[in-house]
Protein backbone atom coordinates (compact mmCIF):
# COMPACT_ATOMS: atom_id res chain seq x y z
CA MET A 1 73.44 138.49 210.90
CA PHE A 2 76.60 137.21 209.24
CA VAL A 3 76.98 134.51 211.88
CA ARG A 4 73.45 133.26 211.26
CA ILE A 5 73.97 133.27 207.48
CA LYS A 6 77.27 131.43 207.94
CA LYS A 7 75.55 128.75 210.02
CA MET A 8 72.80 128.43 207.42
CA VAL A 9 75.33 128.11 204.58
CA ALA A 10 77.26 125.46 206.53
CA LYS A 11 74.02 123.56 207.14
CA GLU A 12 73.21 123.62 203.41
CA PHE A 13 76.64 122.30 202.44
CA ILE A 14 76.35 119.50 204.98
CA GLN A 15 72.90 118.59 203.70
CA VAL A 16 74.00 118.68 200.05
CA PHE A 17 77.13 116.59 200.44
CA ARG A 18 75.38 114.08 202.67
CA ASP A 19 73.05 113.15 199.80
CA ARG A 20 74.68 110.88 197.21
CA ARG A 21 72.24 111.98 194.51
CA MET A 22 73.14 115.63 195.05
CA LYS A 23 76.84 114.75 194.85
CA ALA A 24 76.21 113.12 191.49
CA ILE A 25 74.32 116.18 190.24
CA ILE A 26 77.14 118.49 191.34
CA PHE A 27 80.25 116.55 190.31
CA LEU A 28 79.35 113.79 187.88
CA THR A 29 76.43 115.11 185.83
CA PRO A 30 78.24 118.22 184.44
CA ILE A 31 81.18 116.07 183.30
CA ILE A 32 78.93 113.51 181.62
CA GLN A 33 76.88 116.21 179.94
CA LEU A 34 79.91 118.05 178.59
CA LEU A 35 81.50 114.84 177.29
CA LEU A 36 78.23 113.75 175.70
CA PHE A 37 77.27 117.08 174.16
CA GLY A 38 80.86 117.95 173.31
CA TYR A 39 81.05 114.98 170.95
CA ALA A 40 77.41 114.87 169.85
CA VAL A 41 76.62 118.56 169.30
CA THR A 42 78.49 119.35 166.09
CA THR A 43 77.55 120.69 162.69
CA ASP A 44 80.76 119.52 161.01
CA VAL A 45 80.07 117.35 157.97
CA THR A 46 82.63 114.56 157.62
CA ASN A 47 82.64 110.98 156.33
CA VAL A 48 79.26 111.34 154.64
CA LYS A 49 78.14 107.98 153.25
CA THR A 50 78.26 108.45 149.47
CA ALA A 51 77.35 106.40 146.41
CA PHE A 52 79.37 107.02 143.23
CA LEU A 53 77.88 105.84 139.94
CA ASP A 54 80.44 106.03 137.13
CA LEU A 55 78.77 105.62 133.75
CA ASP A 56 81.77 107.01 131.84
CA ARG A 57 84.46 104.76 133.36
CA THR A 58 87.48 106.81 132.34
CA VAL A 59 90.67 107.94 134.02
CA GLU A 60 89.11 111.36 134.64
CA THR A 61 86.06 109.98 136.42
CA ARG A 62 88.18 107.72 138.62
CA GLU A 63 90.30 110.72 139.56
CA LEU A 64 87.12 112.64 140.41
CA ALA A 65 86.03 109.81 142.74
CA ARG A 66 89.45 109.81 144.36
CA ARG A 67 89.31 113.55 145.01
CA ILE A 68 85.82 113.33 146.48
CA GLU A 69 86.86 110.63 148.93
CA SER A 70 90.26 112.11 149.80
CA SER A 71 88.62 115.42 150.78
CA GLY A 72 87.67 113.87 154.12
CA TYR A 73 84.08 114.99 153.78
CA PHE A 74 82.79 111.94 151.92
CA ASP A 75 83.12 108.19 152.23
CA ILE A 76 82.30 106.39 148.98
CA SER A 77 80.79 103.28 150.51
CA ARG A 78 78.63 102.19 147.57
CA THR A 79 79.28 101.94 143.83
CA PRO A 80 75.89 101.14 142.24
CA GLY A 81 75.77 99.66 138.75
CA SER A 82 72.73 101.59 137.49
CA PRO A 83 70.74 104.77 138.25
CA GLY A 84 67.87 102.65 139.57
CA GLU A 85 69.98 101.42 142.49
CA ILE A 86 70.54 104.95 143.76
CA ARG A 87 66.91 105.40 144.87
CA GLY A 88 67.06 102.20 146.90
CA LEU A 89 70.27 103.27 148.64
CA LEU A 90 68.82 106.68 149.52
CA ASP A 91 65.46 105.28 150.61
CA GLY A 92 67.15 102.70 152.83
CA GLY A 93 69.39 105.30 154.45
CA GLU A 94 72.54 103.48 153.33
CA VAL A 95 73.91 106.68 151.79
CA LEU A 96 73.16 110.39 152.19
CA VAL A 97 74.67 111.53 148.89
CA ALA A 98 74.83 109.99 145.42
CA VAL A 99 77.05 111.26 142.60
CA GLN A 100 76.23 110.13 139.06
CA VAL A 101 78.78 110.84 136.32
CA ASN A 102 77.08 110.53 132.94
CA ARG A 103 78.55 109.00 129.81
CA GLY A 104 80.75 111.30 127.76
CA PHE A 105 81.96 113.27 130.81
CA SER A 106 85.62 113.23 129.78
CA ARG A 107 84.86 113.80 126.10
CA ASP A 108 82.62 116.78 126.79
CA LEU A 109 85.18 118.39 129.07
CA LYS A 110 87.97 118.07 126.53
CA SER A 111 85.79 119.43 123.74
CA GLY A 112 84.63 122.39 125.79
CA SER A 113 81.02 121.18 126.00
CA THR A 114 78.95 120.99 129.17
CA ALA A 115 79.80 117.79 131.07
CA GLY A 116 77.05 116.01 132.96
CA VAL A 117 77.38 115.24 136.67
CA GLN A 118 74.30 114.71 138.81
CA VAL A 119 74.37 115.08 142.59
CA ILE A 120 71.44 113.61 144.54
CA VAL A 121 71.21 114.39 148.25
CA ASP A 122 68.90 113.10 150.97
CA GLY A 123 67.29 116.36 152.08
CA THR A 124 65.81 114.96 155.31
CA ASP A 125 68.58 116.69 157.22
CA SER A 126 68.61 120.02 155.44
CA ASN A 127 71.79 121.28 157.13
CA THR A 128 73.88 118.26 156.18
CA ALA A 129 72.40 118.23 152.67
CA THR A 130 73.22 121.90 152.08
CA VAL A 131 76.78 121.61 153.37
CA ALA A 132 77.43 118.38 151.43
CA MET A 133 76.15 119.91 148.19
CA ASP A 134 78.38 122.93 148.70
CA TYR A 135 81.45 120.75 149.28
CA LEU A 136 80.70 118.63 146.22
CA THR A 137 80.11 121.67 144.04
CA ARG A 138 83.50 123.07 144.95
CA ILE A 139 85.33 119.77 144.51
CA ILE A 140 83.76 119.03 141.11
CA GLY A 141 84.09 122.62 139.94
CA SER A 142 87.76 122.79 140.91
CA TYR A 143 88.53 119.52 139.13
CA ALA A 144 86.60 120.53 136.01
CA ALA A 145 88.47 123.83 135.86
CA GLU A 146 91.81 121.98 135.98
CA LEU A 147 90.80 119.68 133.13
CA GLU A 148 89.59 122.58 131.02
CA GLY A 149 92.69 124.64 131.82
CA ALA A 150 90.53 127.58 132.86
CA ILE A 151 92.25 130.54 134.52
CA PRO A 152 90.21 132.09 137.34
CA ALA A 153 89.30 135.72 136.74
CA VAL A 154 89.42 136.50 140.48
CA ASP A 155 92.09 135.38 142.94
CA LEU A 156 89.87 134.87 146.00
CA ARG A 157 91.64 134.28 149.29
CA THR A 158 89.53 133.77 152.39
CA ARG A 159 90.53 134.00 156.02
CA ALA A 160 88.46 133.03 159.04
CA TRP A 161 89.00 135.05 162.20
CA TYR A 162 88.58 133.81 165.81
CA ASN A 163 87.97 130.18 164.78
CA PRO A 164 90.42 129.65 161.88
CA ASP A 165 89.86 125.88 161.68
CA LEU A 166 86.07 126.42 161.52
CA ARG A 167 85.53 123.72 164.15
CA SER A 168 81.92 123.75 165.26
CA ARG A 169 83.03 122.20 168.57
CA ASN A 170 84.88 125.41 169.48
CA TYR A 171 81.61 127.29 169.01
CA ASN A 172 79.25 124.79 170.64
CA ILE A 173 81.15 123.76 173.78
CA PRO A 174 81.11 127.24 175.39
CA GLY A 175 77.35 127.22 174.85
CA VAL A 176 77.11 123.78 176.45
CA ILE A 177 78.99 125.14 179.49
CA ALA A 178 76.40 127.90 179.88
CA ILE A 179 73.55 125.38 179.60
CA ILE A 180 75.11 123.03 182.17
CA ILE A 181 75.53 125.86 184.69
CA MET A 182 71.90 126.88 184.21
CA LEU A 183 70.50 123.38 184.57
CA THR A 184 72.58 122.48 187.64
CA SER A 185 71.83 125.76 189.44
CA LEU A 186 68.10 125.58 188.68
CA LEU A 187 67.79 122.02 189.93
CA LEU A 188 69.74 122.61 193.13
CA THR A 189 67.98 125.84 194.09
CA SER A 190 64.39 124.86 193.29
CA MET A 191 64.52 121.36 194.73
CA ALA A 192 66.51 122.20 197.86
CA VAL A 193 63.95 124.75 199.07
CA VAL A 194 61.01 122.50 198.24
CA ARG A 195 62.68 119.61 200.03
CA GLU A 196 62.63 121.60 203.26
CA ARG A 197 58.90 122.11 202.88
CA GLU A 198 58.26 118.53 201.82
CA ILE A 199 59.98 116.90 204.79
CA GLY A 200 58.59 119.42 207.26
CA THR A 201 61.76 121.26 208.28
CA MET A 202 60.72 124.59 206.76
CA GLU A 203 58.49 125.26 209.75
CA GLN A 204 61.47 124.67 212.04
CA LEU A 205 63.50 127.23 210.09
CA MET A 206 60.66 129.74 210.29
CA VAL A 207 60.64 129.72 214.11
CA THR A 208 64.39 130.31 214.30
CA PRO A 209 65.87 133.85 214.68
CA LEU A 210 66.63 133.78 210.95
CA LYS A 211 65.08 136.65 209.03
CA PRO A 212 63.62 135.94 205.56
CA VAL A 213 66.52 137.68 203.80
CA GLU A 214 69.03 135.66 205.82
CA LEU A 215 67.24 132.44 204.98
CA ILE A 216 67.21 133.36 201.29
CA LEU A 217 70.93 134.15 201.30
CA GLY A 218 71.68 131.00 203.27
CA LYS A 219 69.80 128.96 200.69
CA THR A 220 71.22 130.59 197.56
CA LEU A 221 74.87 131.29 198.42
CA PRO A 222 75.88 127.61 198.61
CA PHE A 223 74.41 126.95 195.19
CA ALA A 224 76.13 130.04 193.80
CA ALA A 225 79.42 128.59 195.04
CA ILE A 226 78.56 125.23 193.50
CA GLY A 227 77.69 127.00 190.23
CA PHE A 228 81.15 128.61 190.21
CA PHE A 229 82.79 125.28 190.92
CA ASP A 230 80.92 123.61 188.06
CA MET A 231 81.85 126.45 185.72
CA PHE A 232 85.57 126.01 186.44
CA LEU A 233 85.21 122.22 186.28
CA VAL A 234 83.62 122.09 182.84
CA THR A 235 85.82 124.94 181.57
CA ALA A 236 88.93 122.95 182.52
CA LEU A 237 87.46 119.91 180.79
CA ALA A 238 86.78 121.96 177.66
CA LEU A 239 90.33 123.30 177.63
CA PHE A 240 92.30 120.15 178.38
CA TRP A 241 90.06 117.43 176.95
CA PHE A 242 88.50 119.05 173.89
CA GLY A 243 91.25 121.57 173.25
CA VAL A 244 88.87 124.52 173.00
CA PRO A 245 90.92 127.72 173.18
CA ILE A 246 90.10 130.48 175.63
CA LYS A 247 91.53 133.79 174.44
CA GLY A 248 89.88 136.11 176.92
CA SER A 249 90.15 136.81 180.63
CA LEU A 250 89.18 134.21 183.22
CA VAL A 251 88.50 137.06 185.64
CA LEU A 252 85.93 138.53 183.25
CA LEU A 253 84.42 135.07 182.79
CA SER A 254 84.10 134.74 186.57
CA VAL A 255 82.41 138.13 186.88
CA ALA A 256 80.02 137.31 184.04
CA THR A 257 79.23 133.96 185.65
CA ALA A 258 78.39 135.71 188.93
CA VAL A 259 75.94 138.01 187.14
CA TYR A 260 74.50 135.04 185.26
CA LEU A 261 73.99 133.08 188.47
CA ILE A 262 72.00 135.95 189.98
CA SER A 263 69.28 135.52 187.38
CA VAL A 264 69.43 131.71 187.30
CA LEU A 265 69.23 131.39 191.08
CA GLY A 266 66.40 133.91 191.07
CA VAL A 267 64.45 131.75 188.65
CA GLY A 268 65.16 128.67 190.78
CA LEU A 269 63.94 130.52 193.86
CA PHE A 270 60.78 131.55 192.04
CA ILE A 271 60.12 127.94 191.01
CA SER A 272 60.48 126.91 194.64
CA THR A 273 57.72 129.34 195.64
CA ILE A 274 55.19 127.90 193.19
CA SER A 275 56.01 124.24 193.87
CA ARG A 276 54.91 122.14 196.83
CA THR A 277 56.78 118.93 196.02
CA GLN A 278 60.12 118.08 194.48
CA GLN A 279 58.32 116.46 191.56
CA GLN A 280 56.51 119.73 190.81
CA ALA A 281 59.79 121.64 191.11
CA LEU A 282 61.49 119.24 188.69
CA MET A 283 58.69 119.59 186.14
CA ALA A 284 58.62 123.39 186.47
CA THR A 285 62.40 123.53 186.05
CA PHE A 286 62.29 121.70 182.74
CA LEU A 287 59.27 123.70 181.57
CA PHE A 288 61.48 126.78 181.91
CA PHE A 289 64.77 125.19 180.87
CA LEU A 290 63.81 123.81 177.45
CA PRO A 291 62.30 127.06 176.07
CA ALA A 292 65.25 128.97 177.51
CA VAL A 293 67.67 126.80 175.49
CA LEU A 294 65.61 126.90 172.30
CA LEU A 295 65.18 130.70 172.49
CA SER A 296 68.78 131.50 173.42
CA GLY A 297 70.39 131.29 170.00
CA PHE A 298 72.28 128.13 170.93
CA MET A 299 70.53 125.94 168.35
CA PHE A 300 68.74 128.40 166.08
CA PRO A 301 69.71 131.98 165.14
CA ILE A 302 67.51 134.49 166.96
CA GLU A 303 67.41 136.64 163.81
CA ASN A 304 65.48 133.88 162.01
CA MET A 305 62.72 133.75 164.65
CA PRO A 306 59.42 135.65 164.36
CA LEU A 307 59.66 139.23 165.59
CA ALA A 308 57.41 138.63 168.61
CA VAL A 309 59.57 135.69 169.69
CA GLN A 310 62.74 137.76 169.24
CA TYR A 311 61.41 140.31 171.73
CA GLY A 312 60.68 137.48 174.14
CA THR A 313 64.29 136.33 174.05
CA TYR A 314 65.35 139.54 175.80
CA LEU A 315 63.92 138.02 178.99
CA ASN A 316 66.20 135.01 178.68
CA PRO A 317 69.48 135.29 180.65
CA LEU A 318 71.00 132.47 178.61
CA ARG A 319 70.80 134.64 175.48
CA TYR A 320 73.18 137.21 176.96
CA PHE A 321 75.54 134.74 178.58
CA LEU A 322 76.03 132.84 175.33
CA VAL A 323 77.28 136.01 173.65
CA ILE A 324 79.58 136.71 176.59
CA ILE A 325 81.10 133.25 177.00
CA ARG A 326 81.65 132.78 173.26
CA GLY A 327 83.18 136.23 173.02
CA ILE A 328 85.60 135.43 175.85
CA PHE A 329 86.48 131.96 174.58
CA LEU A 330 86.82 132.59 170.85
CA LYS A 331 87.39 136.31 170.36
CA GLY A 332 89.16 137.32 173.54
CA VAL A 333 87.04 140.47 173.81
CA GLY A 334 86.82 142.48 177.01
CA PRO A 335 84.20 144.43 178.95
CA GLY A 336 84.39 147.28 176.44
CA VAL A 337 82.60 145.05 173.93
CA LEU A 338 80.53 142.87 176.26
CA TRP A 339 79.19 145.52 178.63
CA PRO A 340 75.74 145.78 176.93
CA GLN A 341 75.12 142.05 177.48
CA MET A 342 76.50 142.30 181.02
CA ALA A 343 74.25 145.26 181.84
CA CYS A 344 71.12 143.61 180.43
CA MET A 345 71.86 140.36 182.24
CA LEU A 346 72.50 142.20 185.50
CA ALA A 347 69.27 144.18 185.25
CA LEU A 348 67.30 141.04 184.46
CA GLY A 349 69.00 139.11 187.25
CA VAL A 350 68.37 141.77 189.90
CA PHE A 351 64.71 142.02 188.86
CA VAL A 352 64.12 138.25 188.88
CA LEU A 353 65.94 137.74 192.17
CA ALA A 354 64.06 140.65 193.81
CA VAL A 355 60.66 139.37 192.69
CA SER A 356 61.51 135.82 193.74
CA SER A 357 62.83 136.97 197.11
CA MET A 358 59.71 139.02 197.85
CA ARG A 359 57.48 136.12 196.93
CA PHE A 360 59.57 133.75 199.01
CA SER A 361 59.47 136.13 201.96
CA LYS A 362 55.67 136.27 201.80
CA ARG A 363 55.51 132.49 201.79
CA LEU A 364 57.68 132.41 204.90
CA GLU A 365 55.61 135.05 206.67
């Protein structure tokens, strides 16, 4: 049995590495995806194009503009001469934020009256608008308090654990690693099996002494090994290129990846049983992949989804692996904390792989 599986695994590796397109999927595509998403997928708000309209024209207002720009969050690229110009700048997308300092700003502050500052934000991108408004509120409020000589009633000191610099890249890149592993494993498993059927070699395999379980193992084990290789490849890239820290155990990450691959390869095997051509397998893969990403918590918090959709996310292996990989990377937690996610992912993976294997066996018989 082991000899036959070994021969089948060797045959799969030869077939994979003989195809240039498969080599690109295995080695090049994960690197390109991580580099692309690593830079593009970020919620950090920096260098926001800003218009600053100074109707007061005093030393205080110029200092306020300097503080806004020196914060690093805003780039004052436009200085309109009248309030009417602000609408045109926002409508044309030339700026995302406009700050208007009304006349008498300095006088009102010194006299203890309410000083007028208007902040206008393009709310098309609600996340950027909310974060930018929060930054501006703190900058303007801090400066106004200094001018008024106000003494804060509460000495508030904040401290962020696990990601002290609050870099969104440290949070997003581990999630991108999980997504890359899923996509690569799904594509390889589903399309490799269908390719055998499409070119007519599946019938040749069926008349060999190989049993269905041996054929299944021979087809899935190579792609499990490739999945592990891609995981270490993109993890090394995240560590040494992006500088994302990993505080947990690489051994635990490897074990979690193995459990994760059980479910992903099971889904790929299931797709192969319902597809007759590689084109159908590719379409079915993306029909599963996109909802899996959207319902994993990678882009949107699961807690904000409708209750029925939240229950549906429990069938998504990516949901559990995101918690695990982020916990290992950022928090350095161990199996004592992550075992519920590991157990759920293992149960789901065993179920999916068993159902897919039975269906695949029936197709072979």
